[in-house]
Amino acid sequence: MRSNEFCDFLWEINAIILAAGVGTRLKPHTNKIPKALVKVDGAPIIERQIEYFLEIGVPEIVIVTGYLSE
């Protein structure tokens, strides 16, 4: 695959964010909220991920939830 073909291929990729973990290494921050919602420098981790994917033009983002997802 040539370099420019690879770049065209990249823009067809969607994203999956795995936000289902318990976050044991982030305790006590994750006692009441999921680790994806823990704020780093004022913004939740998942918000930073979503913003990055939108900036690079990812057309579809799927979020897999689990721990404390309700």
N, C-alpha and C. Protein backbone atom coordinates (compact mmCIF):
# COMPACT_ATOMS: atom_id res chain seq x y z
N MET A 1 0.85 -1.17 0.00
CA MET A 1 0.00 0.00 0.00
C MET A 1 0.90 1.24 0.00
N ARG A 2 0.66 2.13 -0.91
CA ARG A 2 1.44 3.36 -0.98
C ARG A 2 1.02 4.32 0.13
N SER A 3 1.86 5.27 0.43
CA SER A 3 1.64 6.22 1.52
C SER A 3 0.30 6.95 1.38
N ASN A 4 0.00 7.49 0.21
CA ASN A 4 -1.25 8.25 0.04
C ASN A 4 -2.47 7.33 0.13
N GLU A 5 -2.35 6.07 -0.28
CA GLU A 5 -3.45 5.12 -0.14
C GLU A 5 -3.71 4.84 1.34
N PHE A 6 -2.65 4.77 2.12
CA PHE A 6 -2.80 4.52 3.55
C PHE A 6 -3.52 5.70 4.22
N CYS A 7 -3.18 6.92 3.84
CA CYS A 7 -3.84 8.10 4.40
C CYS A 7 -5.33 8.11 4.06
N ASP A 8 -5.68 7.73 2.84
CA ASP A 8 -7.10 7.65 2.46
C ASP A 8 -7.80 6.59 3.31
N PHE A 9 -7.13 5.49 3.57
CA PHE A 9 -7.69 4.42 4.38
C PHE A 9 -7.96 4.89 5.82
N LEU A 10 -7.06 5.70 6.36
CA LEU A 10 -7.21 6.16 7.74
C LEU A 10 -8.49 6.95 7.95
N TRP A 11 -8.91 7.70 6.97
CA TRP A 11 -10.10 8.53 7.14
C TRP A 11 -11.39 7.73 7.13
N GLU A 12 -11.30 6.45 6.86
CA GLU A 12 -12.48 5.60 6.87
C GLU A 12 -12.64 4.87 8.20
N ILE A 13 -11.73 5.09 9.12
CA ILE A 13 -11.74 4.37 10.38
C ILE A 13 -12.66 5.05 11.38
N ASN A 14 -13.46 4.25 12.07
CA ASN A 14 -14.29 4.73 13.17
C ASN A 14 -13.56 4.49 14.47
N ALA A 15 -14.10 4.98 15.57
CA ALA A 15 -13.44 4.83 16.87
C ALA A 15 -14.33 4.09 17.85
N ILE A 16 -13.69 3.31 18.71
CA ILE A 16 -14.36 2.67 19.83
C ILE A 16 -13.63 3.11 21.09
N ILE A 17 -14.37 3.69 22.02
CA ILE A 17 -13.80 4.09 23.30
C ILE A 17 -14.26 3.07 24.34
N LEU A 18 -13.31 2.40 24.96
CA LEU A 18 -13.62 1.42 25.99
C LEU A 18 -13.68 2.14 27.34
N ALA A 19 -14.90 2.40 27.79
CA ALA A 19 -15.11 3.14 29.04
C ALA A 19 -15.82 2.25 30.06
N ALA A 20 -15.43 1.00 30.12
CA ALA A 20 -16.13 0.03 30.96
C ALA A 20 -15.36 -0.40 32.19
N GLY A 21 -14.14 0.06 32.34
CA GLY A 21 -13.31 -0.42 33.44
C GLY A 21 -13.65 0.19 34.78
N VAL A 22 -13.24 -0.49 35.83
CA VAL A 22 -13.50 -0.05 37.20
C VAL A 22 -12.57 1.11 37.58
N GLY A 23 -11.38 1.11 37.08
CA GLY A 23 -10.44 2.19 37.38
C GLY A 23 -9.80 2.05 38.75
N THR A 24 -9.41 0.85 39.11
CA THR A 24 -8.86 0.60 40.45
C THR A 24 -7.60 1.43 40.73
N ARG A 25 -6.81 1.70 39.71
CA ARG A 25 -5.59 2.48 39.93
C ARG A 25 -5.88 3.96 40.15
N LEU A 26 -7.12 4.38 39.89
CA LEU A 26 -7.48 5.79 40.08
C LEU A 26 -8.29 6.01 41.36
N LYS A 27 -8.44 4.97 42.17
CA LYS A 27 -9.17 5.14 43.43
C LYS A 27 -8.41 6.12 44.31
N PRO A 28 -9.05 6.97 45.06
CA PRO A 28 -10.46 7.05 45.40
C PRO A 28 -11.31 7.85 44.40
N HIS A 29 -10.71 8.37 43.34
CA HIS A 29 -11.46 9.18 42.38
C HIS A 29 -12.59 8.41 41.71
N THR A 30 -12.43 7.09 41.60
CA THR A 30 -13.43 6.28 40.89
C THR A 30 -14.39 5.55 41.83
N ASN A 31 -14.44 5.95 43.08
CA ASN A 31 -15.38 5.31 44.01
C ASN A 31 -16.83 5.61 43.63
N LYS A 32 -17.09 6.80 43.13
CA LYS A 32 -18.47 7.21 42.82
C LYS A 32 -18.70 7.55 41.37
N ILE A 33 -17.64 7.73 40.60
CA ILE A 33 -17.80 8.02 39.17
C ILE A 33 -16.91 7.09 38.35
N PRO A 34 -17.33 6.76 37.13
CA PRO A 34 -16.49 5.92 36.27
C PRO A 34 -15.22 6.65 35.85
N LYS A 35 -14.18 5.89 35.58
CA LYS A 35 -12.89 6.52 35.27
C LYS A 35 -12.95 7.41 34.03
N ALA A 36 -13.84 7.12 33.11
CA ALA A 36 -13.96 7.96 31.91
C ALA A 36 -14.41 9.38 32.25
N LEU A 37 -15.05 9.55 33.41
CA LEU A 37 -15.53 10.87 33.81
C LEU A 37 -14.60 11.57 34.80
N VAL A 38 -13.50 10.94 35.16
CA VAL A 38 -12.52 11.57 36.04
C VAL A 38 -11.90 12.74 35.28
N LYS A 39 -11.83 13.89 35.94
CA LYS A 39 -11.30 15.08 35.27
C LYS A 39 -9.77 15.11 35.36
N VAL A 40 -9.17 15.44 34.24
CA VAL A 40 -7.74 15.66 34.15
C VAL A 40 -7.56 17.07 33.60
N ASP A 41 -6.94 17.91 34.38
CA ASP A 41 -6.74 19.31 33.99
C ASP A 41 -8.06 19.98 33.61
N GLY A 42 -9.10 19.68 34.37
CA GLY A 42 -10.39 20.36 34.21
C GLY A 42 -11.39 19.73 33.26
N ALA A 43 -11.01 18.68 32.53
CA ALA A 43 -11.93 18.04 31.58
C ALA A 43 -11.95 16.53 31.78
N PRO A 44 -13.14 15.91 31.69
CA PRO A 44 -13.21 14.45 31.80
C PRO A 44 -12.38 13.75 30.72
N ILE A 45 -11.82 12.63 31.07
CA ILE A 45 -10.97 11.86 30.15
C ILE A 45 -11.72 11.57 28.85
N ILE A 46 -12.96 11.15 28.95
CA ILE A 46 -13.71 10.77 27.75
C ILE A 46 -13.98 11.99 26.85
N GLU A 47 -14.17 13.15 27.45
CA GLU A 47 -14.38 14.37 26.66
C GLU A 47 -13.14 14.67 25.82
N ARG A 48 -11.97 14.51 26.42
CA ARG A 48 -10.72 14.73 25.69
C ARG A 48 -10.59 13.76 24.51
N GLN A 49 -10.96 12.50 24.75
CA GLN A 49 -10.89 11.50 23.67
C GLN A 49 -11.83 11.86 22.53
N ILE A 50 -13.06 12.20 22.86
CA ILE A 50 -14.06 12.54 21.84
C ILE A 50 -13.61 13.77 21.05
N GLU A 51 -13.13 14.80 21.75
CA GLU A 51 -12.66 16.00 21.05
C GLU A 51 -11.53 15.68 20.09
N TYR A 52 -10.60 14.84 20.51
CA TYR A 52 -9.48 14.47 19.63
C TYR A 52 -9.99 13.75 18.38
N PHE A 53 -10.88 12.78 18.56
CA PHE A 53 -11.40 12.05 17.41
C PHE A 53 -12.15 12.98 16.45
N LEU A 54 -12.91 13.93 16.99
CA LEU A 54 -13.62 14.88 16.14
C LEU A 54 -12.64 15.79 15.40
N GLU A 55 -11.57 16.20 16.07
CA GLU A 55 -10.56 17.05 15.44
C GLU A 55 -9.91 16.39 14.23
N ILE A 56 -9.68 15.08 14.32
CA ILE A 56 -9.02 14.40 13.20
C ILE A 56 -10.01 13.84 12.19
N GLY A 57 -11.31 14.10 12.40
CA GLY A 57 -12.31 13.75 11.42
C GLY A 57 -12.86 12.34 11.48
N VAL A 58 -12.80 11.70 12.64
CA VAL A 58 -13.37 10.36 12.78
C VAL A 58 -14.89 10.49 12.64
N PRO A 59 -15.50 9.76 11.70
CA PRO A 59 -16.93 9.94 11.41
C PRO A 59 -17.89 9.32 12.43
N GLU A 60 -17.47 8.30 13.15
CA GLU A 60 -18.36 7.62 14.08
C GLU A 60 -17.58 7.17 15.31
N ILE A 61 -18.15 7.47 16.49
CA ILE A 61 -17.51 7.08 17.75
C ILE A 61 -18.51 6.23 18.52
N VAL A 62 -18.06 5.04 18.93
CA VAL A 62 -18.87 4.13 19.73
C VAL A 62 -18.26 4.07 21.12
N ILE A 63 -19.08 4.20 22.16
CA ILE A 63 -18.57 4.14 23.53
C ILE A 63 -19.12 2.89 24.20
N VAL A 64 -18.21 2.03 24.66
CA VAL A 64 -18.60 0.80 25.37
C VAL A 64 -18.56 1.13 26.86
N THR A 65 -19.70 0.99 27.53
CA THR A 65 -19.77 1.32 28.96
C THR A 65 -19.94 0.08 29.80
N GLY A 66 -19.71 0.24 31.10
CA GLY A 66 -19.86 -0.89 32.02
C GLY A 66 -20.02 -0.37 33.42
N TYR A 67 -18.94 -0.34 34.18
CA TYR A 67 -18.93 0.04 35.58
C TYR A 67 -19.57 1.42 35.77
N LEU A 68 -20.59 1.49 36.64
CA LEU A 68 -21.31 2.73 36.96
C LEU A 68 -21.93 3.40 35.73
N SER A 69 -22.30 2.66 34.74
CA SER A 69 -22.81 3.26 33.50
C SER A 69 -24.23 3.79 33.62
N GLU A 70 -24.98 3.36 34.61
CA GLU A 70 -26.34 3.88 34.71
C GLU A 70 -26.28 5.28 35.24
